[in-house]
Amino acid sequence: MTLDQFRSVADRALEPFVALSTRLGLSPDAISVLAFVAAAVAGGAYYLASETAILYLAGAVLVGLNGALDLLDGAVAREQQVDSKAGDLLDHVLDRYADIVVIAGLAAGIGHYPLGFAAVTGVLMTSYLGTQAQAVGLDRVYAGVLGRADRLALIGVVTGVAAFVQPSVAGFGPVGWLLVLFAVVGHVTALQRFWGAWGALD
């Protein structure tokens, strides 16, 4: 969870965009929806990138936009003093769907559906175990190697590179190895969070 340490820096960088969003009358929920739309279009670009590699670059830009908007919705909610449990729920649900469509697009684009399944379930289980701890009376768990910000940054960098070069190692190109990383680290992190929460309940 390297990039989460710089959340305060990102919040300061977003201040002009928070002010602009408020002037334009954009609600936090509307920004959350726009973030999901960016992710959905990115997933489509990744799916088509097998035929037109430059679409990997378009996907990288859209994933970056999704990440920025995901930060912006919370900042706008705090600025407008309208942050709520309903808004938080919408944000988390759309984030999970965004994760699904982006990873599904990456996997479908290279034709590795089992690998995509392993990657997306790892990512979803990581998020689920983080919030499930709250459901049983513990604090939310953020432990793990890759947080969502880290995943989005990796997707952006790797697919940006894949737009121009696609070296193959052991049968996998950059996107394939990215999915392998998400599958392995996701499930390891989910198990780590499970055992941590289990131990705290004893």
N, C-alpha and C. Protein backbone atom coordinates (compact mmCIF):
# COMPACT_ATOMS: atom_id res chain seq x y z
N MET A 1 0.84 -1.21 0.00
CA MET A 1 0.00 0.00 0.00
C MET A 1 0.87 1.25 0.00
N THR A 2 1.78 1.31 -0.92
CA THR A 2 2.77 2.38 -0.96
C THR A 2 2.14 3.74 -1.22
N LEU A 3 1.29 3.84 -2.23
CA LEU A 3 0.77 5.14 -2.65
C LEU A 3 -0.22 5.73 -1.66
N ASP A 4 -0.87 4.90 -0.84
CA ASP A 4 -1.80 5.43 0.15
C ASP A 4 -1.12 6.35 1.15
N GLN A 5 0.19 6.22 1.29
CA GLN A 5 0.94 7.08 2.22
C GLN A 5 0.97 8.53 1.73
N PHE A 6 0.70 8.72 0.44
CA PHE A 6 0.75 10.06 -0.14
C PHE A 6 -0.64 10.65 -0.35
N ARG A 7 -1.62 10.13 0.38
CA ARG A 7 -3.01 10.59 0.22
C ARG A 7 -3.13 12.09 0.50
N SER A 8 -2.42 12.59 1.53
CA SER A 8 -2.52 14.01 1.87
C SER A 8 -1.96 14.89 0.75
N VAL A 9 -0.91 14.41 0.08
CA VAL A 9 -0.34 15.14 -1.04
C VAL A 9 -1.34 15.20 -2.19
N ALA A 10 -1.97 14.07 -2.47
CA ALA A 10 -2.98 14.02 -3.53
C ALA A 10 -4.15 14.94 -3.22
N ASP A 11 -4.57 14.97 -1.95
CA ASP A 11 -5.70 15.83 -1.57
C ASP A 11 -5.38 17.30 -1.83
N ARG A 12 -4.13 17.71 -1.53
CA ARG A 12 -3.74 19.10 -1.78
C ARG A 12 -3.71 19.40 -3.27
N ALA A 13 -3.24 18.45 -4.06
CA ALA A 13 -3.18 18.64 -5.51
C ALA A 13 -4.57 18.75 -6.11
N LEU A 14 -5.55 18.12 -5.46
CA LEU A 14 -6.91 18.10 -5.98
C LEU A 14 -7.72 19.35 -5.61
N GLU A 15 -7.19 20.20 -4.75
CA GLU A 15 -7.96 21.35 -4.25
C GLU A 15 -8.53 22.22 -5.38
N PRO A 16 -7.77 22.55 -6.44
CA PRO A 16 -8.38 23.35 -7.53
C PRO A 16 -9.53 22.63 -8.21
N PHE A 17 -9.43 21.29 -8.34
CA PHE A 17 -10.47 20.51 -8.99
C PHE A 17 -11.70 20.38 -8.09
N VAL A 18 -11.47 20.39 -6.77
CA VAL A 18 -12.59 20.38 -5.83
C VAL A 18 -13.38 21.67 -5.99
N ALA A 19 -12.66 22.79 -6.05
CA ALA A 19 -13.32 24.08 -6.21
C ALA A 19 -14.07 24.15 -7.55
N LEU A 20 -13.44 23.63 -8.61
CA LEU A 20 -14.08 23.64 -9.93
C LEU A 20 -15.33 22.77 -9.93
N SER A 21 -15.25 21.60 -9.32
CA SER A 21 -16.41 20.70 -9.27
C SER A 21 -17.58 21.35 -8.54
N THR A 22 -17.27 22.07 -7.47
CA THR A 22 -18.31 22.74 -6.70
C THR A 22 -18.96 23.84 -7.53
N ARG A 23 -18.13 24.62 -8.25
CA ARG A 23 -18.67 25.68 -9.10
C ARG A 23 -19.55 25.11 -10.22
N LEU A 24 -19.17 23.95 -10.72
CA LEU A 24 -19.95 23.33 -11.81
C LEU A 24 -21.19 22.61 -11.30
N GLY A 25 -21.31 22.50 -9.97
CA GLY A 25 -22.48 21.86 -9.39
C GLY A 25 -22.43 20.34 -9.43
N LEU A 26 -21.21 19.78 -9.56
CA LEU A 26 -21.08 18.32 -9.58
C LEU A 26 -21.17 17.77 -8.17
N SER A 27 -22.02 16.79 -7.98
CA SER A 27 -22.14 16.14 -6.68
C SER A 27 -21.09 15.03 -6.56
N PRO A 28 -20.74 14.63 -5.34
CA PRO A 28 -19.81 13.51 -5.17
C PRO A 28 -20.31 12.24 -5.85
N ASP A 29 -21.63 11.98 -5.79
CA ASP A 29 -22.17 10.77 -6.43
C ASP A 29 -22.00 10.83 -7.94
N ALA A 30 -22.18 12.00 -8.52
CA ALA A 30 -22.00 12.14 -9.97
C ALA A 30 -20.55 11.88 -10.36
N ILE A 31 -19.63 12.33 -9.53
CA ILE A 31 -18.20 12.11 -9.80
C ILE A 31 -17.87 10.62 -9.67
N SER A 32 -18.48 9.95 -8.70
CA SER A 32 -18.29 8.50 -8.55
C SER A 32 -18.75 7.76 -9.81
N VAL A 33 -19.88 8.19 -10.35
CA VAL A 33 -20.40 7.56 -11.57
C VAL A 33 -19.47 7.83 -12.75
N LEU A 34 -18.96 9.06 -12.86
CA LEU A 34 -18.02 9.39 -13.93
C LEU A 34 -16.75 8.55 -13.81
N ALA A 35 -16.31 8.31 -12.57
CA ALA A 35 -15.12 7.47 -12.36
C ALA A 35 -15.37 6.06 -12.89
N PHE A 36 -16.55 5.52 -12.63
CA PHE A 36 -16.87 4.19 -13.13
C PHE A 36 -16.94 4.17 -14.65
N VAL A 37 -17.52 5.20 -15.25
CA VAL A 37 -17.60 5.27 -16.71
C VAL A 37 -16.20 5.25 -17.32
N ALA A 38 -15.28 5.99 -16.71
CA ALA A 38 -13.89 5.99 -17.19
C ALA A 38 -13.30 4.59 -17.14
N ALA A 39 -13.57 3.86 -16.04
CA ALA A 39 -13.05 2.50 -15.90
C ALA A 39 -13.68 1.57 -16.93
N ALA A 40 -14.98 1.72 -17.16
CA ALA A 40 -15.68 0.86 -18.12
C ALA A 40 -15.13 1.06 -19.54
N VAL A 41 -14.90 2.31 -19.90
CA VAL A 41 -14.34 2.59 -21.23
C VAL A 41 -12.90 2.06 -21.31
N ALA A 42 -12.16 2.16 -20.21
CA ALA A 42 -10.80 1.60 -20.17
C ALA A 42 -10.84 0.09 -20.41
N GLY A 43 -11.80 -0.59 -19.75
CA GLY A 43 -11.94 -2.02 -19.95
C GLY A 43 -12.20 -2.36 -21.41
N GLY A 44 -13.05 -1.58 -22.05
CA GLY A 44 -13.32 -1.79 -23.48
C GLY A 44 -12.08 -1.56 -24.33
N ALA A 45 -11.31 -0.52 -24.00
CA ALA A 45 -10.08 -0.24 -24.74
C ALA A 45 -9.09 -1.39 -24.59
N TYR A 46 -8.99 -1.93 -23.37
CA TYR A 46 -8.06 -3.05 -23.15
C TYR A 46 -8.50 -4.29 -23.92
N TYR A 47 -9.79 -4.51 -24.01
CA TYR A 47 -10.30 -5.66 -24.75
C TYR A 47 -9.93 -5.56 -26.24
N LEU A 48 -10.00 -4.35 -26.79
CA LEU A 48 -9.73 -4.14 -28.20
C LEU A 48 -8.24 -3.95 -28.50
N ALA A 49 -7.43 -3.80 -27.45
CA ALA A 49 -6.02 -3.48 -27.64
C ALA A 49 -5.23 -4.61 -28.28
N SER A 50 -5.74 -5.84 -28.24
CA SER A 50 -5.03 -6.95 -28.88
C SER A 50 -4.92 -6.72 -30.38
N GLU A 51 -5.87 -5.97 -30.95
CA GLU A 51 -5.84 -5.68 -32.38
C GLU A 51 -5.19 -4.34 -32.67
N THR A 52 -5.33 -3.41 -31.74
CA THR A 52 -4.75 -2.07 -31.92
C THR A 52 -4.05 -1.70 -30.62
N ALA A 53 -2.74 -1.97 -30.56
CA ALA A 53 -2.00 -1.86 -29.30
C ALA A 53 -2.03 -0.47 -28.70
N ILE A 54 -2.17 0.56 -29.53
CA ILE A 54 -2.16 1.93 -29.00
C ILE A 54 -3.33 2.16 -28.05
N LEU A 55 -4.36 1.30 -28.14
CA LEU A 55 -5.49 1.44 -27.22
C LEU A 55 -5.07 1.14 -25.78
N TYR A 56 -3.96 0.43 -25.59
CA TYR A 56 -3.44 0.26 -24.24
C TYR A 56 -3.12 1.61 -23.62
N LEU A 57 -2.61 2.52 -24.44
CA LEU A 57 -2.28 3.86 -23.93
C LEU A 57 -3.55 4.61 -23.55
N ALA A 58 -4.58 4.49 -24.38
CA ALA A 58 -5.87 5.12 -24.06
C ALA A 58 -6.42 4.55 -22.76
N GLY A 59 -6.32 3.23 -22.59
CA GLY A 59 -6.77 2.60 -21.35
C GLY A 59 -6.01 3.09 -20.16
N ALA A 60 -4.69 3.27 -20.32
CA ALA A 60 -3.85 3.76 -19.22
C ALA A 60 -4.30 5.14 -18.76
N VAL A 61 -4.59 6.01 -19.72
CA VAL A 61 -5.05 7.37 -19.40
C VAL A 61 -6.39 7.32 -18.68
N LEU A 62 -7.29 6.46 -19.15
CA LEU A 62 -8.61 6.35 -18.53
C LEU A 62 -8.54 5.75 -17.13
N VAL A 63 -7.64 4.81 -16.92
CA VAL A 63 -7.45 4.25 -15.57
C VAL A 63 -6.92 5.34 -14.63
N GLY A 64 -6.00 6.16 -15.14
CA GLY A 64 -5.52 7.28 -14.33
C GLY A 64 -6.64 8.24 -13.98
N LEU A 65 -7.52 8.49 -14.95
CA LEU A 65 -8.68 9.36 -14.72
C LEU A 65 -9.60 8.76 -13.68
N ASN A 66 -9.82 7.44 -13.76
CA ASN A 66 -10.65 6.76 -12.76
C ASN A 66 -10.08 6.95 -11.36
N GLY A 67 -8.76 6.79 -11.22
CA GLY A 67 -8.13 6.95 -9.91
C GLY A 67 -8.25 8.37 -9.38
N ALA A 68 -8.07 9.35 -10.28
CA ALA A 68 -8.17 10.75 -9.86
C ALA A 68 -9.59 11.10 -9.43
N LEU A 69 -10.57 10.64 -10.20
CA LEU A 69 -11.97 10.92 -9.86
C LEU A 69 -12.38 10.19 -8.58
N ASP A 70 -11.78 9.02 -8.35
CA ASP A 70 -12.08 8.27 -7.13
C ASP A 70 -11.60 9.02 -5.89
N LEU A 71 -10.52 9.76 -6.03
CA LEU A 71 -10.07 10.62 -4.93
C LEU A 71 -10.92 11.88 -4.84
N LEU A 72 -11.31 12.39 -6.01
CA LEU A 72 -12.02 13.66 -6.05
C LEU A 72 -13.40 13.58 -5.42
N ASP A 73 -14.11 12.46 -5.60
CA ASP A 73 -15.48 12.39 -5.06
C ASP A 73 -15.50 12.55 -3.55
N GLY A 74 -14.54 11.91 -2.86
CA GLY A 74 -14.48 12.04 -1.41
C GLY A 74 -14.10 13.45 -0.98
N ALA A 75 -13.15 14.05 -1.71
CA ALA A 75 -12.72 15.41 -1.37
C ALA A 75 -13.86 16.40 -1.56
N VAL A 76 -14.65 16.23 -2.63
CA VAL A 76 -15.79 17.11 -2.87
C VAL A 76 -16.85 16.91 -1.79
N ALA A 77 -17.08 15.67 -1.40
CA ALA A 77 -18.07 15.39 -0.35
C ALA A 77 -17.69 16.09 0.95
N ARG A 78 -16.40 16.05 1.28
CA ARG A 78 -15.95 16.72 2.51
C ARG A 78 -16.05 18.23 2.39
N GLU A 79 -15.72 18.76 1.22
CA GLU A 79 -15.78 20.20 1.01
C GLU A 79 -17.23 20.70 1.07
N GLN A 80 -18.14 19.95 0.49
CA GLN A 80 -19.56 20.34 0.48
C GLN A 80 -20.29 19.90 1.74
N GLN A 81 -19.58 19.16 2.60
CA GLN A 81 -20.13 18.65 3.86
C GLN A 81 -21.39 17.81 3.62
N VAL A 82 -21.27 16.94 2.60
CA VAL A 82 -22.39 16.06 2.28
C VAL A 82 -21.95 14.59 2.32
N ASP A 83 -20.78 14.33 2.92
CA ASP A 83 -20.34 12.94 3.00
C ASP A 83 -21.33 12.14 3.84
N SER A 84 -21.65 10.94 3.36
CA SER A 84 -22.68 10.13 3.99
C SER A 84 -22.38 8.66 3.80
N LYS A 85 -23.07 7.82 4.56
CA LYS A 85 -22.90 6.38 4.41
C LYS A 85 -23.40 5.92 3.04
N ALA A 86 -24.46 6.56 2.55
CA ALA A 86 -24.99 6.20 1.23
C ALA A 86 -23.97 6.50 0.14
N GLY A 87 -23.33 7.64 0.23
CA GLY A 87 -22.30 8.00 -0.75
C GLY A 87 -21.11 7.07 -0.67
N ASP A 88 -20.73 6.70 0.55
CA ASP A 88 -19.62 5.77 0.74
C ASP A 88 -19.95 4.41 0.15
N LEU A 89 -21.20 3.96 0.34
CA LEU A 89 -21.64 2.68 -0.22
C LEU A 89 -21.57 2.71 -1.74
N LEU A 90 -22.10 3.77 -2.34
CA LEU A 90 -22.08 3.90 -3.80
C LEU A 90 -20.64 3.89 -4.31
N ASP A 91 -19.77 4.62 -3.65
CA ASP A 91 -18.37 4.70 -4.06
C ASP A 91 -17.71 3.33 -4.04
N HIS A 92 -17.93 2.57 -2.96
CA HIS A 92 -17.30 1.26 -2.84
C HIS A 92 -17.86 0.27 -3.86
N VAL A 93 -19.17 0.31 -4.09
CA VAL A 93 -19.77 -0.60 -5.06
C VAL A 93 -19.23 -0.31 -6.47
N LEU A 94 -19.18 0.98 -6.83
CA LEU A 94 -18.69 1.34 -8.16
C LEU A 94 -17.20 1.04 -8.31
N ASP A 95 -16.44 1.17 -7.21
CA ASP A 95 -15.01 0.81 -7.26
C ASP A 95 -14.83 -0.66 -7.58
N ARG A 96 -15.66 -1.51 -6.95
CA ARG A 96 -15.53 -2.95 -7.20
C ARG A 96 -15.93 -3.27 -8.64
N TYR A 97 -16.99 -2.65 -9.14
CA TYR A 97 -17.35 -2.89 -10.53
C TYR A 97 -16.27 -2.36 -11.48
N ALA A 98 -15.66 -1.26 -11.10
CA ALA A 98 -14.56 -0.72 -11.91
C ALA A 98 -13.40 -1.71 -11.96
N ASP A 99 -13.06 -2.29 -10.80
CA ASP A 99 -12.00 -3.31 -10.76
C ASP A 99 -12.34 -4.47 -11.70
N ILE A 100 -13.59 -4.89 -11.66
CA ILE A 100 -14.02 -6.03 -12.47
C ILE A 100 -13.89 -5.73 -13.97
N VAL A 101 -14.42 -4.59 -14.40
CA VAL A 101 -14.43 -4.33 -15.84
C VAL A 101 -13.02 -4.08 -16.38
N VAL A 102 -12.16 -3.46 -15.59
CA VAL A 102 -10.79 -3.21 -16.05
C VAL A 102 -10.02 -4.53 -16.17
N ILE A 103 -10.07 -5.35 -15.12
CA ILE A 103 -9.33 -6.61 -15.15
C ILE A 103 -9.92 -7.57 -16.18
N ALA A 104 -11.25 -7.58 -16.30
CA ALA A 104 -11.89 -8.43 -17.31
C ALA A 104 -11.46 -8.00 -18.71
N GLY A 105 -11.38 -6.69 -18.94
CA GLY A 105 -10.94 -6.19 -20.24
C GLY A 105 -9.51 -6.59 -20.54
N LEU A 106 -8.64 -6.50 -19.54
CA LEU A 106 -7.24 -6.90 -19.72
C LEU A 106 -7.14 -8.39 -20.07
N ALA A 107 -7.87 -9.23 -19.31
CA ALA A 107 -7.80 -10.67 -19.53
C ALA A 107 -8.41 -11.07 -20.87
N ALA A 108 -9.56 -10.49 -21.20
CA ALA A 108 -10.21 -10.83 -22.47
C ALA A 108 -9.37 -10.38 -23.65
N GLY A 109 -8.69 -9.25 -23.49
CA GLY A 109 -7.87 -8.73 -24.57
C GLY A 109 -6.73 -9.66 -24.96
N ILE A 110 -6.18 -10.38 -23.96
CA ILE A 110 -5.09 -11.31 -24.26
C ILE A 110 -5.57 -12.76 -24.31
N GLY A 111 -6.86 -12.97 -24.10
CA GLY A 111 -7.44 -14.30 -24.20
C GLY A 111 -7.08 -15.24 -23.07
N HIS A 112 -6.75 -14.70 -21.89
CA HIS A 112 -6.40 -15.54 -20.73
C HIS A 112 -7.51 -15.42 -19.69
N TYR A 113 -8.62 -16.08 -19.93
CA TYR A 113 -9.78 -15.96 -19.05
C TYR A 113 -9.55 -16.58 -17.67
N PRO A 114 -8.95 -17.77 -17.56
CA PRO A 114 -8.69 -18.33 -16.21
C PRO A 114 -7.79 -17.42 -15.38
N LEU A 115 -6.79 -16.83 -16.03
CA LEU A 115 -5.89 -15.92 -15.31
C LEU A 115 -6.65 -14.67 -14.88
N GLY A 116 -7.52 -14.19 -15.73
CA GLY A 116 -8.35 -13.04 -15.37
C GLY A 116 -9.25 -13.35 -14.20
N PHE A 117 -9.81 -14.56 -14.20
CA PHE A 117 -10.67 -14.97 -13.08
C PHE A 117 -9.88 -14.99 -11.78
N ALA A 118 -8.68 -15.55 -11.83
CA ALA A 118 -7.84 -15.60 -10.62
C ALA A 118 -7.48 -14.20 -10.15
N ALA A 119 -7.18 -13.30 -11.09
CA ALA A 119 -6.80 -11.94 -10.73
C ALA A 119 -7.96 -11.17 -10.12
N VAL A 120 -9.13 -11.24 -10.77
CA VAL A 120 -10.25 -10.44 -10.29
C VAL A 120 -10.78 -10.97 -8.96
N THR A 121 -10.77 -12.30 -8.77
CA THR A 121 -11.22 -12.81 -7.47
C THR A 121 -10.23 -12.44 -6.37
N GLY A 122 -8.94 -12.41 -6.69
CA GLY A 122 -7.95 -11.98 -5.70
C GLY A 122 -8.17 -10.54 -5.27
N VAL A 123 -8.42 -9.68 -6.26
CA VAL A 123 -8.67 -8.27 -5.96
C VAL A 123 -9.95 -8.10 -5.15
N LEU A 124 -11.02 -8.80 -5.55
CA LEU A 124 -12.29 -8.67 -4.85
C LEU A 124 -12.22 -9.23 -3.43
N MET A 125 -11.53 -10.36 -3.26
CA MET A 125 -11.42 -10.94 -1.92
C MET A 125 -10.59 -10.05 -1.00
N THR A 126 -9.58 -9.39 -1.55
CA THR A 126 -8.80 -8.45 -0.75
C THR A 126 -9.70 -7.34 -0.21
N SER A 127 -10.52 -6.76 -1.09
CA SER A 127 -11.43 -5.70 -0.68
C SER A 127 -12.49 -6.22 0.30
N TYR A 128 -13.02 -7.41 0.01
CA TYR A 128 -14.05 -7.99 0.87
C TYR A 128 -13.54 -8.22 2.29
N LEU A 129 -12.35 -8.81 2.41
CA LEU A 129 -11.81 -9.08 3.74
C LEU A 129 -11.51 -7.79 4.49
N GLY A 130 -11.17 -6.73 3.76
CA GLY A 130 -10.92 -5.45 4.42
C GLY A 130 -12.16 -4.90 5.09
N THR A 131 -13.31 -5.02 4.41
CA THR A 131 -14.55 -4.48 4.97
C THR A 131 -15.28 -5.47 5.87
N GLN A 132 -15.09 -6.78 5.63
CA GLN A 132 -15.76 -7.77 6.45
C GLN A 132 -15.31 -7.70 7.89
N ALA A 133 -14.06 -7.28 8.10
CA ALA A 133 -13.58 -7.10 9.47
C ALA A 133 -14.46 -6.11 10.23
N GLN A 134 -14.90 -5.06 9.53
CA GLN A 134 -15.81 -4.09 10.16
C GLN A 134 -17.13 -4.75 10.53
N ALA A 135 -17.60 -5.65 9.67
CA ALA A 135 -18.90 -6.28 9.90
C ALA A 135 -18.92 -7.13 11.15
N VAL A 136 -17.75 -7.59 11.59
CA VAL A 136 -17.69 -8.42 12.80
C VAL A 136 -17.15 -7.62 13.99
N GLY A 137 -17.18 -6.28 13.87
CA GLY A 137 -16.85 -5.43 15.00
C GLY A 137 -15.41 -4.99 15.12
N LEU A 138 -14.59 -5.25 14.10
CA LEU A 138 -13.19 -4.82 14.14
C LEU A 138 -13.03 -3.55 13.31
N ASP A 139 -11.84 -2.96 13.37
CA ASP A 139 -11.55 -1.84 12.50
C ASP A 139 -11.38 -2.35 11.07
N ARG A 140 -11.61 -1.47 10.10
CA ARG A 140 -11.39 -1.87 8.72
C ARG A 140 -9.91 -2.21 8.52
N VAL A 141 -9.65 -3.28 7.76
CA VAL A 141 -8.28 -3.74 7.56
C VAL A 141 -7.75 -3.23 6.23
N TYR A 142 -6.59 -2.56 6.29
CA TYR A 142 -5.95 -2.05 5.07
C TYR A 142 -4.62 -2.75 4.79
N ALA A 143 -4.26 -3.74 5.60
CA ALA A 143 -2.96 -4.39 5.44
C ALA A 143 -2.86 -5.06 4.08
N GLY A 144 -1.63 -5.14 3.58
CA GLY A 144 -1.40 -5.81 2.31
C GLY A 144 -0.38 -5.07 1.47
N VAL A 145 0.11 -5.75 0.46
CA VAL A 145 1.16 -5.18 -0.37
C VAL A 145 0.62 -4.14 -1.34
N LEU A 146 -0.51 -4.46 -1.99
CA LEU A 146 -1.05 -3.57 -3.03
C LEU A 146 -2.43 -3.07 -2.65
N GLY A 147 -2.54 -1.77 -2.44
CA GLY A 147 -3.84 -1.15 -2.27
C GLY A 147 -4.41 -0.79 -3.63
N ARG A 148 -5.61 -0.22 -3.65
CA ARG A 148 -6.23 0.09 -4.94
C ARG A 148 -5.43 1.12 -5.72
N ALA A 149 -4.90 2.12 -5.02
CA ALA A 149 -4.10 3.13 -5.71
C ALA A 149 -2.88 2.51 -6.36
N ASP A 150 -2.24 1.57 -5.66
CA ASP A 150 -1.08 0.89 -6.23
C ASP A 150 -1.46 0.07 -7.46
N ARG A 151 -2.60 -0.62 -7.38
CA ARG A 151 -3.05 -1.43 -8.52
C ARG A 151 -3.31 -0.55 -9.74
N LEU A 152 -3.99 0.57 -9.54
CA LEU A 152 -4.30 1.45 -10.66
C LEU A 152 -3.02 2.01 -11.26
N ALA A 153 -2.06 2.37 -10.41
CA ALA A 153 -0.80 2.90 -10.91
C ALA A 153 -0.06 1.84 -11.73
N LEU A 154 -0.04 0.61 -11.24
CA LEU A 154 0.61 -0.48 -11.97
C LEU A 154 -0.07 -0.74 -13.30
N ILE A 155 -1.40 -0.75 -13.29
CA ILE A 155 -2.13 -0.97 -14.54
C ILE A 155 -1.78 0.13 -15.54
N GLY A 156 -1.78 1.37 -15.08
CA GLY A 156 -1.48 2.49 -15.96
C GLY A 156 -0.08 2.39 -16.55
N VAL A 157 0.91 2.10 -15.71
CA VAL A 157 2.30 2.03 -16.17
C VAL A 157 2.50 0.85 -17.12
N VAL A 158 2.03 -0.33 -16.71
CA VAL A 158 2.25 -1.54 -17.52
C VAL A 158 1.54 -1.45 -18.86
N THR A 159 0.30 -0.99 -18.86
CA THR A 159 -0.42 -0.91 -20.14
C THR A 159 0.10 0.24 -20.99
N GLY A 160 0.60 1.29 -20.34
CA GLY A 160 1.24 2.35 -21.12
C GLY A 160 2.46 1.84 -21.86
N VAL A 161 3.25 1.01 -21.19
CA VAL A 161 4.41 0.38 -21.83
C VAL A 161 3.97 -0.59 -22.91
N ALA A 162 2.92 -1.38 -22.62
CA ALA A 162 2.44 -2.39 -23.56
C ALA A 162 1.93 -1.78 -24.86
N ALA A 163 1.60 -0.48 -24.84
CA ALA A 163 1.15 0.18 -26.06
C ALA A 163 2.27 0.25 -27.10
N PHE A 164 3.52 0.16 -26.63
CA PHE A 164 4.66 0.32 -27.54
C PHE A 164 5.53 -0.92 -27.64
N VAL A 165 5.71 -1.65 -26.53
CA VAL A 165 6.51 -2.87 -26.56
C VAL A 165 5.80 -3.96 -25.77
N GLN A 166 5.85 -5.18 -26.27
CA GLN A 166 5.19 -6.29 -25.59
C GLN A 166 6.12 -7.51 -25.56
N PRO A 167 7.20 -7.41 -24.77
CA PRO A 167 8.11 -8.56 -24.67
C PRO A 167 7.40 -9.74 -24.01
N SER A 168 7.77 -10.94 -24.42
CA SER A 168 7.15 -12.15 -23.87
C SER A 168 8.16 -12.91 -23.03
N VAL A 169 7.77 -13.25 -21.81
CA VAL A 169 8.61 -14.04 -20.90
C VAL A 169 7.77 -15.21 -20.41
N ALA A 170 8.26 -16.42 -20.68
CA ALA A 170 7.55 -17.65 -20.28
C ALA A 170 6.11 -17.67 -20.79
N GLY A 171 5.91 -17.12 -21.98
CA GLY A 171 4.59 -17.17 -22.59
C GLY A 171 3.66 -16.03 -22.23
N PHE A 172 4.10 -15.14 -21.35
CA PHE A 172 3.27 -14.01 -20.94
C PHE A 172 3.93 -12.70 -21.34
N GLY A 173 3.10 -11.77 -21.83
CA GLY A 173 3.56 -10.42 -22.06
C GLY A 173 3.36 -9.60 -20.80
N PRO A 174 3.57 -8.27 -20.88
CA PRO A 174 3.42 -7.41 -19.69
C PRO A 174 2.05 -7.52 -19.02
N VAL A 175 0.99 -7.56 -19.83
CA VAL A 175 -0.36 -7.63 -19.26
C VAL A 175 -0.58 -8.97 -18.57
N GLY A 176 -0.11 -10.03 -19.18
CA GLY A 176 -0.24 -11.35 -18.57
C GLY A 176 0.44 -11.43 -17.22
N TRP A 177 1.66 -10.91 -17.14
CA TRP A 177 2.38 -10.94 -15.86
C TRP A 177 1.74 -10.01 -14.83
N LEU A 178 1.13 -8.94 -15.30
CA LEU A 178 0.40 -8.06 -14.38
C LEU A 178 -0.76 -8.81 -13.74
N LEU A 179 -1.48 -9.58 -14.54
CA LEU A 179 -2.59 -10.37 -14.01
C LEU A 179 -2.10 -11.46 -13.06
N VAL A 180 -0.96 -12.06 -13.37
CA VAL A 180 -0.37 -13.04 -12.46
C VAL A 180 -0.09 -12.39 -11.10
N LEU A 181 0.49 -11.20 -11.15
CA LEU A 181 0.80 -10.47 -9.90
C LEU A 181 -0.47 -10.22 -9.10
N PHE A 182 -1.52 -9.75 -9.76
CA PHE A 182 -2.77 -9.46 -9.05
C PHE A 182 -3.37 -10.74 -8.46
N ALA A 183 -3.28 -11.84 -9.20
CA ALA A 183 -3.84 -13.10 -8.72
C ALA A 183 -3.11 -13.57 -7.47
N VAL A 184 -1.80 -13.59 -7.54
CA VAL A 184 -1.00 -14.10 -6.42
C VAL A 184 -1.08 -13.17 -5.22
N VAL A 185 -0.78 -11.89 -5.43
CA VAL A 185 -0.75 -10.94 -4.32
C VAL A 185 -2.15 -10.74 -3.75
N GLY A 186 -3.17 -10.74 -4.61
CA GLY A 186 -4.54 -10.55 -4.13
C GLY A 186 -4.96 -11.64 -3.17
N HIS A 187 -4.74 -12.89 -3.55
CA HIS A 187 -5.17 -13.99 -2.68
C HIS A 187 -4.30 -14.10 -1.43
N VAL A 188 -3.01 -13.81 -1.56
CA VAL A 188 -2.14 -13.81 -0.38
C VAL A 188 -2.58 -12.73 0.60
N THR A 189 -2.89 -11.55 0.07
CA THR A 189 -3.33 -10.44 0.93
C THR A 189 -4.67 -10.77 1.59
N ALA A 190 -5.58 -11.38 0.83
CA ALA A 190 -6.88 -11.76 1.41
C ALA A 190 -6.69 -12.73 2.57
N LEU A 191 -5.83 -13.72 2.39
CA LEU A 191 -5.57 -14.67 3.47
C LEU A 191 -4.89 -14.00 4.66
N GLN A 192 -3.99 -13.07 4.36
CA GLN A 192 -3.32 -12.32 5.43
C GLN A 192 -4.35 -11.55 6.25
N ARG A 193 -5.28 -10.90 5.59
CA ARG A 193 -6.31 -10.13 6.29
C ARG A 193 -7.24 -11.06 7.08
N PHE A 194 -7.54 -12.21 6.49
CA PHE A 194 -8.40 -13.17 7.19
C PHE A 194 -7.76 -13.63 8.49
N TRP A 195 -6.50 -14.05 8.43
CA TRP A 195 -5.84 -14.55 9.63
C TRP A 195 -5.66 -13.45 10.66
N GLY A 196 -5.41 -12.22 10.21
CA GLY A 196 -5.28 -11.11 11.12
C GLY A 196 -6.57 -10.84 11.87
N ALA A 197 -7.70 -10.84 11.11
CA ALA A 197 -9.01 -10.60 11.72
C ALA A 197 -9.40 -11.78 12.62
N TRP A 198 -9.12 -12.99 12.18
CA TRP A 198 -9.42 -14.20 12.97
C TRP A 198 -8.69 -14.14 14.31
N GLY A 199 -7.42 -13.76 14.25
CA GLY A 199 -6.65 -13.66 15.49
C GLY A 199 -7.17 -12.59 16.43
N ALA A 200 -7.64 -11.49 15.84
CA ALA A 200 -8.17 -10.40 16.68
C ALA A 200 -9.47 -10.77 17.34
N LEU A 201 -10.18 -11.75 16.80
CA LEU A 201 -11.46 -12.17 17.37
C LEU A 201 -11.31 -13.20 18.48
N ASP A 202 -10.13 -13.79 18.61
CA ASP A 202 -9.91 -14.79 19.67
C ASP A 202 -9.98 -14.15 21.05
